[in-house]
C-alpha atoms as a PDB file:
ATOM      1  CA  MET A   1      14.821   5.310  10.888  1.00  0.00           C
ATOM      2  CA  GLU A   2      12.716   1.886  11.609  1.00  0.00           C
ATOM      3  CA  PRO A   3      11.136   1.999  14.837  1.00  0.00           C
ATOM      4  CA  VAL A   4      13.725  -0.128  16.918  1.00  0.00           C
ATOM      5  CA  LEU A   5      16.193   1.623  16.204  1.00  0.00           C
ATOM      6  CA  LEU A   6      14.187   5.034  16.959  1.00  0.00           C
ATOM      7  CA  GLN A   7      13.701   3.554  20.720  1.00  0.00           C
ATOM      8  CA  ILE A   8      17.327   2.943  20.646  1.00  0.00           C
ATOM      9  CA  HIS A   9      18.311   6.148  19.629  1.00  0.00           C
ATOM     10  CA  MET A  10      16.429   8.122  22.254  1.00  0.00           C
ATOM     11  CA  HIS A  11      16.970   5.484  24.760  1.00  0.00           C
ATOM     12  CA  VAL A  12      20.764   6.306  24.796  1.00  0.00           C
ATOM     13  CA  ARG A  13      20.123  10.104  23.979  1.00  0.00           C
ATOM     14  CA  CYS A  14      18.082  10.059  27.260  1.00  0.00           C
ATOM     15  CA  ASN A  15      20.644   8.629  29.242  1.00  0.00           C
ATOM     16  CA  ALA A  16      23.448  10.858  28.002  1.00  0.00           C
ATOM     17  CA  ILE A  17      20.789  13.625  28.709  1.00  0.00           C
ATOM     18  CA  LYS A  18      20.796  12.239  32.712  1.00  0.00           C
ATOM     19  CA  ARG A  19      24.433  11.403  32.934  1.00  0.00           C
ATOM     20  CA  ASP A  20      25.160  15.472  31.985  1.00  0.00           C
ATOM     21  CA  SER A  21      22.471  16.889  34.212  1.00  0.00           C
ATOM     22  CA  GLU A  22      23.549  14.785  37.136  1.00  0.00           C
ATOM     23  CA  TRP A  23      27.496  15.731  36.400  1.00  0.00           C
ATOM     24  CA  SER A  24      26.232  18.739  36.292  1.00  0.00           C
ATOM     25  CA  ARG A  25      24.847  18.702  39.369  1.00  0.00           C
ATOM     26  CA  HIS A  26      28.281  17.956  41.053  1.00  0.00           C
ATOM     27  CA  THR A  27      30.245  20.209  39.756  1.00  0.00           C
ATOM     28  CA  ASP A  28      28.645  23.336  39.918  1.00  0.00           C
ATOM     29  CA  ASN A  29      27.524  24.010  43.824  1.00  0.00           C
ATOM     30  CA  SER A  30      28.472  27.853  43.502  1.00  0.00           C
ATOM     31  CA  ALA A  31      25.707  28.586  40.905  1.00  0.00           C
ATOM     32  CA  GLY A  32      23.159  29.174  43.220  1.00  0.00           C
ATOM     33  CA  PRO A  33      19.624  28.565  43.141  1.00  0.00           C
ATOM     34  CA  ALA A  34      19.023  27.961  39.479  1.00  0.00           C
ATOM     35  CA  SER A  35      21.162  24.948  39.780  1.00  0.00           C
ATOM     36  CA  THR A  36      18.923  23.107  42.453  1.00  0.00           C
ATOM     37  CA  PRO A  37      18.092  19.347  42.226  1.00  0.00           C
ATOM     38  CA  GLU A  38      14.390  20.701  42.022  1.00  0.00           C
ATOM     39  CA  ARG A  39      15.325  22.776  38.819  1.00  0.00           C
ATOM     40  CA  HIS A  40      17.405  19.505  37.289  1.00  0.00           C
ATOM     41  CA  GLN A  41      14.781  16.978  38.301  1.00  0.00           C
ATOM     42  CA  THR A  42      11.887  19.151  36.341  1.00  0.00           C
ATOM     43  CA  THR A  43      14.128  19.291  32.978  1.00  0.00           C
ATOM     44  CA  ASP A  44      14.790  16.024  33.379  1.00  0.00           C
ATOM     45  CA  ASN A  45      11.258  15.399  33.441  1.00  0.00           C
ATOM     46  CA  MET A  46      10.580  17.272  30.397  1.00  0.00           C
ATOM     47  CA  VAL A  47      13.271  15.590  28.400  1.00  0.00           C
ATOM     48  CA  MET A  48      11.343  12.230  29.627  1.00  0.00           C
ATOM     49  CA  MET A  49       8.277  13.848  28.658  1.00  0.00           C
ATOM     50  CA  LYS A  50       9.065  15.293  25.047  1.00  0.00           C
ATOM     51  CA  ASN A  51      11.029  11.739  24.746  1.00  0.00           C
ATOM     52  CA  SER A  52       7.555   9.693  24.721  1.00  0.00           C
ATOM     53  CA  VAL A  53       5.620  12.616  23.024  1.00  0.00           C
ATOM     54  CA  ILE A  54       7.983  11.911  20.269  1.00  0.00           C
ATOM     55  CA  MET A  55       7.985   8.605  20.576  1.00  0.00           C
ATOM     56  CA  ALA A  56       3.948   8.193  20.808  1.00  0.00           C
ATOM     57  CA  THR A  57       4.091  10.353  17.278  1.00  0.00           C
ATOM     58  CA  CYS A  58       6.716   8.512  15.414  1.00  0.00           C
ATOM     59  CA  LEU A  59       4.419   5.441  16.257  1.00  0.00           C
ATOM     60  CA  LEU A  60       0.864   6.759  15.501  1.00  0.00           C
ATOM     61  CA  LEU A  61       2.232   8.362  12.041  1.00  0.00           C
ATOM     62  CA  LEU A  62       3.476   4.483  11.572  1.00  0.00           C
ATOM     63  CA  SER A  63       0.561   3.052  12.264  1.00  0.00           C
ATOM     64  CA  SER A  64      -1.740   5.272   9.921  1.00  0.00           C
ATOM     65  CA  LEU A  65       1.081   4.168   6.648  1.00  0.00           C
ATOM     66  CA  ALA A  66       0.543   1.116   8.163  1.00  0.00           C
ATOM     67  CA  LEU A  67      -3.230   1.214   7.979  1.00  0.00           C
ATOM     68  CA  GLN A  68      -3.310   2.454   4.451  1.00  0.00           C
ATOM     69  CA  SER A  69      -1.214   0.095   3.296  1.00  0.00           C
ATOM     70  CA  TYR A  70      -3.292  -2.557   4.325  1.00  0.00           C
ATOM     71  CA  ALA A  71      -6.537  -1.009   3.242  1.00  0.00           C
ATOM     72  CA  ASN A  72      -5.332  -0.530  -0.451  1.00  0.00           C
ATOM     73  CA  SER A  73      -3.788  -4.148  -0.666  1.00  0.00           C
ATOM     74  CA  PHE A  74      -7.321  -5.574  -0.846  1.00  0.00           C
ATOM     75  CA  GLY A  75      -8.576  -3.681  -3.444  1.00  0.00           C
ATOM     76  CA  PRO A  76      -9.301  -5.335  -7.283  1.00  0.00           C
ATOM     77  CA  ASP A  77      -6.196  -5.279  -9.716  1.00  0.00           C
ATOM     78  CA  GLU A  78      -8.146  -3.712 -12.494  1.00  0.00           C
ATOM     79  CA  CYS A  79     -10.797  -2.129 -12.955  1.00  0.00           C
ATOM     80  CA  CYS A  80     -12.338  -0.276 -15.867  1.00  0.00           C
ATOM     81  CA  PHE A  81     -13.744   3.348 -15.242  1.00  0.00           C
ATOM     82  CA  LYS A  82     -14.515   4.683 -18.612  1.00  0.00           C
ATOM     83  CA  PHE A  83     -15.148   2.316 -21.882  1.00  0.00           C
ATOM     84  CA  PHE A  84     -14.221   2.123 -25.240  1.00  0.00           C
ATOM     85  CA  PRO A  85     -16.517   4.475 -27.534  1.00  0.00           C
ATOM     86  CA  LYS A  86     -16.755   2.048 -31.139  1.00  0.00           C
ATOM     87  CA  ARG A  87     -17.089  -0.917 -31.799  1.00  0.00           C
ATOM     88  CA  LEU A  88     -14.312  -3.613 -32.673  1.00  0.00           C
ATOM     89  CA  GLN A  89     -13.723  -6.080 -34.886  1.00  0.00           C
ATOM     90  CA  LYS A  90     -14.124  -9.842 -33.860  1.00  0.00           C
ATOM     91  CA  SER A  91     -10.769 -10.524 -35.571  1.00  0.00           C
ATOM     92  CA  ALA A  92      -8.668  -7.332 -33.868  1.00  0.00           C
ATOM     93  CA  VAL A  93      -9.463  -9.302 -30.670  1.00  0.00           C
ATOM     94  CA  VAL A  94      -7.087 -11.933 -29.755  1.00  0.00           C
ATOM     95  CA  ASN A  95      -8.201 -12.425 -25.784  1.00  0.00           C
ATOM     96  CA  PHE A  96     -10.934 -10.980 -22.822  1.00  0.00           C
ATOM     97  CA  ARG A  97     -11.288 -11.088 -19.400  1.00  0.00           C
ATOM     98  CA  TYR A  98     -14.297  -9.550 -16.849  1.00  0.00           C
ATOM     99  CA  THR A  99     -13.163  -6.870 -14.444  1.00  0.00           C
ATOM    100  CA  ASP A 100     -13.531  -8.106 -11.048  1.00  0.00           C
ATOM    101  CA  ALA A 101     -16.856  -7.861  -9.460  1.00  0.00           C
ATOM    102  CA  LEU A 102     -15.737  -4.864  -6.311  1.00  0.00           C
ATOM    103  CA  CYS A 103     -15.291  -2.796  -9.244  1.00  0.00           C
ATOM    104  CA  PRO A 104     -17.149   0.315  -9.394  1.00  0.00           C
ATOM    105  CA  MET A 105     -18.206  -0.945 -13.517  1.00  0.00           C
ATOM    106  CA  GLU A 106     -18.649  -4.432 -14.823  1.00  0.00           C
ATOM    107  CA  GLY A 107     -16.338  -3.995 -17.747  1.00  0.00           C
ATOM    108  CA  VAL A 108     -14.258  -6.892 -19.664  1.00  0.00           C
ATOM    109  CA  LEU A 109     -10.850  -6.116 -21.114  1.00  0.00           C
ATOM    110  CA  PHE A 110     -10.296  -6.932 -24.696  1.00  0.00           C
ATOM    111  CA  THR A 111      -6.706  -7.686 -25.198  1.00  0.00           C
ATOM    112  CA  MET A 112      -5.968  -6.844 -29.097  1.00  0.00           C
ATOM    113  CA  LYS A 113      -3.877  -8.046 -31.673  1.00  0.00           C
ATOM    114  CA  ALA A 114      -1.271  -4.948 -31.229  1.00  0.00           C
ATOM    115  CA  GLY A 115      -0.988  -6.197 -27.308  1.00  0.00           C
ATOM    116  CA  ARG A 116      -3.165  -3.107 -26.438  1.00  0.00           C
ATOM    117  CA  GLU A 117      -6.021  -3.781 -23.924  1.00  0.00           C
ATOM    118  CA  VAL A 118      -9.332  -2.329 -24.000  1.00  0.00           C
ATOM    119  CA  CYS A 119     -12.151  -1.737 -21.293  1.00  0.00           C
ATOM    120  CA  VAL A 120     -15.408  -2.452 -23.225  1.00  0.00           C
ATOM    121  CA  ASP A 121     -19.239  -2.210 -21.605  1.00  0.00           C
ATOM    122  CA  ALA A 122     -20.082  -5.862 -20.878  1.00  0.00           C
ATOM    123  CA  THR A 123     -23.523  -5.311 -21.154  1.00  0.00           C
ATOM    124  CA  GLN A 124     -23.194  -4.300 -24.949  1.00  0.00           C
ATOM    125  CA  GLN A 125     -24.953  -6.467 -27.070  1.00  0.00           C
ATOM    126  CA  TRP A 126     -21.747  -6.408 -29.529  1.00  0.00           C
ATOM    127  CA  VAL A 127     -19.477  -7.038 -26.818  1.00  0.00           C
ATOM    128  CA  LYS A 128     -21.067 -10.723 -25.695  1.00  0.00           C
ATOM    129  CA  ASN A 129     -20.793 -11.689 -29.069  1.00  0.00           C
ATOM    130  CA  ILE A 130     -17.462 -11.200 -29.420  1.00  0.00           C
ATOM    131  CA  ILE A 131     -17.044 -13.139 -26.188  1.00  0.00           C
ATOM    132  CA  LYS A 132     -19.293 -15.731 -27.093  1.00  0.00           C
ATOM    133  CA  THR A 133     -16.518 -16.059 -30.761  1.00  0.00           C
ATOM    134  CA  LYS A 134     -13.564 -16.101 -28.506  1.00  0.00           C
ATOM    135  CA  GLU A 135     -15.214 -18.856 -26.052  1.00  0.00           C
ATOM    136  CA  LEU A 136     -16.450 -20.828 -28.815  1.00  0.00           C
ATOM    137  CA  ASN A 137     -12.635 -20.718 -30.916  1.00  0.00           C
ATOM    138  CA  ARG A 138     -11.190 -21.330 -26.846  1.00  0.00           C
ATOM    139  CA  THR A 139     -13.402 -25.040 -26.440  1.00  0.00           C
ATOM    140  CA  LYS A 140     -12.317 -26.207 -30.592  1.00  0.00           C
ATOM    141  CA  LYS A 141      -8.964 -25.812 -29.512  1.00  0.00           C
ATOM    142  CA  VAL A 142      -9.155 -27.335 -25.975  1.00  0.00           C
ATOM    143  CA  THR A 143     -11.147 -30.127 -27.818  1.00  0.00           C
ATOM    144  CA  ASN A 144      -8.589 -30.219 -30.705  1.00  0.00           C
ATOM    145  CA  SER A 145      -5.807 -30.541 -28.494  1.00  0.00           C
ATOM    146  CA  THR A 146      -6.747 -33.520 -25.896  1.00  0.00           C
ATOM    147  CA  THR A 147      -8.243 -35.626 -28.765  1.00  0.00           C
ATOM    148  CA  THR A 148      -5.713 -37.676 -30.256  1.00  0.00           C
ATOM    149  CA  PRO A 149      -5.840 -39.166 -33.714  1.00  0.00           C
ATOM    150  CA  SER A 150      -6.606 -42.761 -33.580  1.00  0.00           C
ATOM    151  CA  GLN A 151      -4.652 -45.221 -35.639  1.00  0.00           C
END
């Protein structure tokens, strides 16, 4: 139940309990000491206190869930926690991207020809060589596509 609906539901329930207790006060005069106004007042107070405890508990749970989701929304999207143990062929790597600086391990995600992504250690020399080659290929493609042939 959403908080607003819960609050309305509790308010309606509380008013119904209050009405029922007022009705029983007016109709049951012969019940003796068990139905004294003080007894009904105590019952009303207990119901009100119970409702406020339930409302406070629901509010506490809702706020803790909101804080949990808020804290998780600011982390990095992809991190490497384990690196691929073997060297990869330059020709098999199509693209690369670095992991976020907030990640616990500095890594590079290689996209392979088959579409699979592989995490590799960015500090390894063979990884640096592949990155350098791919960056050179990118710049060659950019300069070839921006230059127009002269006629």
